[in-house]
Amino acid sequence: MNQKPIRLKDEISTRRVDPLGWLKWLRRRGFQFWVYLGLGAISFIAVLGMFIPVARKQGQLDFRGPPDIEVSLSTSEKTVTPNSQFDYVIVYTNVGGSEAGSVTVDVILPDEVTFVNAVPGNPACALGNNPKERYAIQKMSPEEYPPGGLIRCLLGTRLAGLDGQIVVTVRLGDSPKGTPVTANVLGSVSTTRDYKKLEEMFDNNNAEWTVSVQ
């Protein structure tokens, strides 16, 4: 008895993928879905908006450059006469890309001069390199100030691009003619609770200036 062979026919699916199917799916979600989606997006943006400033202060998510304090020192005249007063002018600038947490500028006076006054004054700028010494000098009269010394200026946070000026008035002693009188200034940056970035460039943090006794 002859039997016909069984032939299997492969069926190939010809189902087409609708490229706009996801749009149809979204349309079927309904009004409530879109309300929840909108509220979720608004909440996410609000939280992100609060988080980013805090993170930047902590040094996270902050791709700006570090702070960089630049200082300069000068006087209006290059020669001075004995027993006269003159001003040192210090200009400090944050030339970096981000905030400098706590800026300190130290002015180192030569022994040939005596401190008279500083602008800004105490407590920002005062003679003495520590609180105990500053307090002791504050109780003296100007005539009792020791020659030379260090004036420390505590200037707080400085924004990127912001500059400032310090004017230190001194009195020259009875120095011989031709004596060079050299002062130095040094700027530095410390971190604070809100600003964690430190300087990485230090070649512009110090300056010196020499006047000659006439």
Protein backbone atom coordinates (compact mmCIF):
# COMPACT_ATOMS: atom_id res chain seq x y z
CA MET A 1 0.00 0.00 0.00
CA ASN A 2 1.52 3.22 -1.13
CA GLN A 3 1.37 6.24 1.17
CA LYS A 4 1.99 9.78 0.11
CA PRO A 5 4.95 11.41 1.87
CA ILE A 6 4.07 14.04 4.40
CA ARG A 7 5.47 17.44 3.41
CA LEU A 8 6.00 20.01 6.10
CA LYS A 9 5.76 23.60 5.03
CA ASP A 10 7.80 26.10 7.06
CA GLU A 11 5.77 29.06 7.92
CA ILE A 12 7.70 32.30 8.00
CA SER A 13 6.20 35.07 10.06
CA THR A 14 5.57 38.16 8.08
CA ARG A 15 4.52 40.28 11.04
CA ARG A 16 5.61 43.90 10.63
CA VAL A 17 6.97 46.07 13.45
CA ASP A 18 5.18 49.39 13.75
CA PRO A 19 7.85 52.11 14.29
CA LEU A 20 5.19 54.37 15.84
CA GLY A 21 3.89 51.76 18.22
CA TRP A 22 5.39 53.47 21.27
CA LEU A 23 3.46 56.62 20.45
CA LYS A 24 0.22 54.68 20.34
CA TRP A 25 1.12 53.08 23.66
CA LEU A 26 1.63 56.50 25.24
CA ARG A 27 -1.68 57.77 23.86
CA ARG A 28 -3.48 54.85 25.51
CA ARG A 29 -2.09 55.68 28.96
CA GLY A 30 -4.71 58.30 29.67
CA PHE A 31 -4.85 61.62 31.48
CA GLN A 32 -3.92 60.28 34.91
CA PHE A 33 -0.69 58.79 33.61
CA TRP A 34 0.42 62.11 32.19
CA VAL A 35 -0.42 63.96 35.41
CA TYR A 36 1.72 61.57 37.44
CA LEU A 37 4.52 61.72 34.91
CA GLY A 38 4.52 65.53 34.96
CA LEU A 39 4.53 65.68 38.76
CA GLY A 40 7.39 63.20 38.88
CA ALA A 41 9.44 65.22 36.41
CA ILE A 42 8.84 68.45 38.37
CA SER A 43 9.84 66.77 41.64
CA PHE A 44 13.01 65.37 40.08
CA ILE A 45 14.04 68.76 38.70
CA ALA A 46 13.34 70.46 42.06
CA VAL A 47 15.46 67.95 43.99
CA LEU A 48 18.25 68.21 41.43
CA GLY A 49 18.13 72.01 41.65
CA MET A 50 18.64 71.85 45.42
CA PHE A 51 21.32 69.18 45.28
CA ILE A 52 23.65 70.70 42.68
CA PRO A 53 24.58 73.92 44.59
CA VAL A 54 25.26 71.94 47.76
CA ALA A 55 27.35 69.40 45.88
CA ARG A 56 29.34 72.15 44.18
CA LYS A 57 30.16 73.72 47.54
CA GLN A 58 31.44 70.34 48.70
CA GLY A 59 33.68 70.06 45.65
CA GLN A 60 31.43 67.51 43.89
CA LEU A 61 29.86 67.97 40.45
CA ASP A 62 32.04 71.06 40.09
CA PHE A 63 34.08 71.07 36.93
CA ARG A 64 35.37 74.62 37.36
CA GLY A 65 39.04 75.27 37.97
CA PRO A 66 40.45 75.69 41.51
CA PRO A 67 40.79 79.10 43.19
CA ASP A 68 44.01 81.03 42.57
CA ILE A 69 44.99 84.05 44.66
CA GLU A 70 47.26 86.58 42.97
CA VAL A 71 48.87 89.36 45.02
CA SER A 72 50.84 92.50 44.19
CA LEU A 73 52.66 95.02 46.38
CA SER A 74 53.64 98.62 45.63
CA THR A 75 54.13 102.11 47.03
CA SER A 76 53.43 105.48 45.43
CA GLU A 77 57.12 106.43 45.66
CA LYS A 78 60.33 104.45 45.22
CA THR A 79 62.27 106.68 47.63
CA VAL A 80 61.31 107.77 51.16
CA THR A 81 62.81 110.11 53.72
CA PRO A 82 63.72 109.23 57.32
CA ASN A 83 60.98 109.61 59.96
CA SER A 84 58.25 109.94 57.29
CA GLN A 85 55.09 107.93 56.72
CA PHE A 86 54.22 106.11 53.50
CA ASP A 87 51.69 103.51 52.31
CA TYR A 88 52.10 99.97 51.07
CA VAL A 89 49.28 99.06 48.67
CA ILE A 90 48.43 95.37 48.33
CA VAL A 91 46.02 94.17 45.63
CA TYR A 92 44.74 90.60 45.82
CA THR A 93 42.61 88.87 43.18
CA ASN A 94 41.05 85.45 42.84
CA VAL A 95 42.04 84.71 39.24
CA GLY A 96 40.93 81.08 39.51
CA GLY A 97 37.74 79.44 38.30
CA SER A 98 35.93 78.93 41.62
CA GLU A 99 35.43 80.45 45.06
CA ALA A 100 38.37 80.73 47.45
CA GLY A 101 37.07 79.43 50.79
CA SER A 102 39.09 81.52 53.25
CA VAL A 103 41.72 83.97 52.03
CA THR A 104 44.62 85.17 54.19
CA VAL A 105 47.10 87.86 53.16
CA ASP A 106 50.26 88.33 55.28
CA VAL A 107 52.26 91.54 54.97
CA ILE A 108 55.79 91.15 56.34
CA LEU A 109 57.22 94.53 57.31
CA PRO A 110 60.96 95.22 57.38
CA ASP A 111 62.62 96.23 60.65
CA GLU A 112 63.24 99.74 59.31
CA VAL A 113 59.54 100.65 59.53
CA THR A 114 56.86 100.66 62.24
CA PHE A 115 53.20 99.88 61.67
CA VAL A 116 50.79 102.82 61.91
CA ASN A 117 47.47 101.76 60.42
CA ALA A 118 45.77 99.34 58.01
CA VAL A 119 42.66 99.53 55.85
CA PRO A 120 40.63 97.38 56.32
CA GLY A 121 41.35 97.60 60.01
CA ASN A 122 40.96 95.26 62.92
CA PRO A 123 39.64 92.54 63.07
CA ALA A 124 40.28 91.96 59.34
CA CYS A 125 43.88 93.28 59.39
CA ALA A 126 45.99 93.60 62.51
CA LEU A 127 49.62 93.44 63.58
CA GLY A 128 50.51 90.00 64.94
CA ASN A 129 50.44 86.47 63.53
CA ASN A 130 48.25 84.85 66.21
CA PRO A 131 45.26 85.93 68.33
CA LYS A 132 47.30 86.31 71.54
CA GLU A 133 49.89 88.55 69.91
CA ARG A 134 47.23 90.58 68.09
CA TYR A 135 45.34 91.17 71.32
CA ALA A 136 48.50 92.26 73.18
CA ILE A 137 49.42 94.75 70.45
CA GLN A 138 45.90 96.17 70.37
CA LYS A 139 46.32 97.25 74.00
CA MET A 140 49.43 99.28 73.08
CA SER A 141 49.47 102.84 71.87
CA PRO A 142 50.82 103.36 68.30
CA GLU A 143 54.03 104.80 69.75
CA GLU A 144 54.67 101.47 71.51
CA TYR A 145 54.31 99.26 68.42
CA PRO A 146 57.42 97.14 67.77
CA PRO A 147 59.36 97.73 64.54
CA GLY A 148 58.74 95.38 61.63
CA GLY A 149 56.44 92.47 62.29
CA LEU A 150 53.68 90.68 60.41
CA ILE A 151 50.26 92.06 59.54
CA ARG A 152 47.75 89.27 59.02
CA CYS A 153 44.59 90.03 57.03
CA LEU A 154 41.73 87.53 57.30
CA LEU A 155 39.58 88.28 54.26
CA GLY A 156 37.00 85.50 54.15
CA THR A 157 35.55 83.96 50.98
CA ARG A 158 36.48 85.54 47.65
CA LEU A 159 34.45 84.78 44.54
CA ALA A 160 36.14 83.95 41.25
CA GLY A 161 37.28 87.14 39.53
CA LEU A 162 36.83 89.29 42.63
CA ASP A 163 39.66 91.56 43.76
CA GLY A 164 40.34 93.70 46.81
CA GLN A 165 42.85 96.15 48.21
CA ILE A 166 44.75 96.56 51.48
CA VAL A 167 46.54 99.79 52.43
CA VAL A 168 49.15 99.58 55.18
CA THR A 169 50.57 102.83 56.54
CA VAL A 170 54.03 102.67 58.12
CA ARG A 171 56.57 105.10 59.58
CA LEU A 172 60.20 104.91 58.51
CA GLY A 173 62.79 105.17 61.26
CA ASP A 174 66.02 107.12 61.25
CA SER A 175 67.69 104.98 58.58
CA PRO A 176 70.85 106.04 56.71
CA LYS A 177 70.57 107.36 53.18
CA GLY A 178 70.58 104.64 50.51
CA THR A 179 69.25 101.92 52.83
CA PRO A 180 67.00 99.47 50.92
CA VAL A 181 63.72 98.81 52.72
CA THR A 182 62.00 95.65 51.47
CA ALA A 183 58.53 94.39 52.40
CA ASN A 184 56.95 91.08 51.39
CA VAL A 185 53.37 89.90 50.97
CA LEU A 186 52.02 86.36 50.85
CA GLY A 187 48.50 85.18 49.97
CA SER A 188 47.00 81.79 50.83
CA VAL A 189 43.68 79.90 50.66
CA SER A 190 42.14 77.56 53.23
CA THR A 191 39.08 75.36 52.90
CA THR A 192 35.85 76.04 54.78
CA ARG A 193 32.75 74.00 55.52
CA ASP A 194 31.12 75.25 52.32
CA TYR A 195 34.13 75.53 50.00
CA LYS A 196 36.52 72.59 49.74
CA LYS A 197 38.79 73.46 46.81
CA LEU A 198 42.41 74.39 47.40
CA GLU A 199 44.86 76.27 45.23
CA GLU A 200 47.06 74.39 42.79
CA MET A 201 49.12 77.33 41.47
CA PHE A 202 51.43 79.17 43.88
CA ASP A 203 53.80 81.16 41.68
CA ASN A 204 51.67 84.33 41.99
CA ASN A 205 50.99 84.09 45.73
CA ASN A 206 53.86 86.30 46.86
CA ALA A 207 55.40 89.63 46.00
CA GLU A 208 58.01 92.02 47.35
CA TRP A 209 58.67 95.72 47.05
CA THR A 210 61.79 97.76 47.87
CA VAL A 211 62.05 101.47 48.53
CA SER A 212 65.26 103.38 49.10
CA VAL A 213 65.94 105.88 51.86
CA GLN A 214 66.61 109.28 50.34
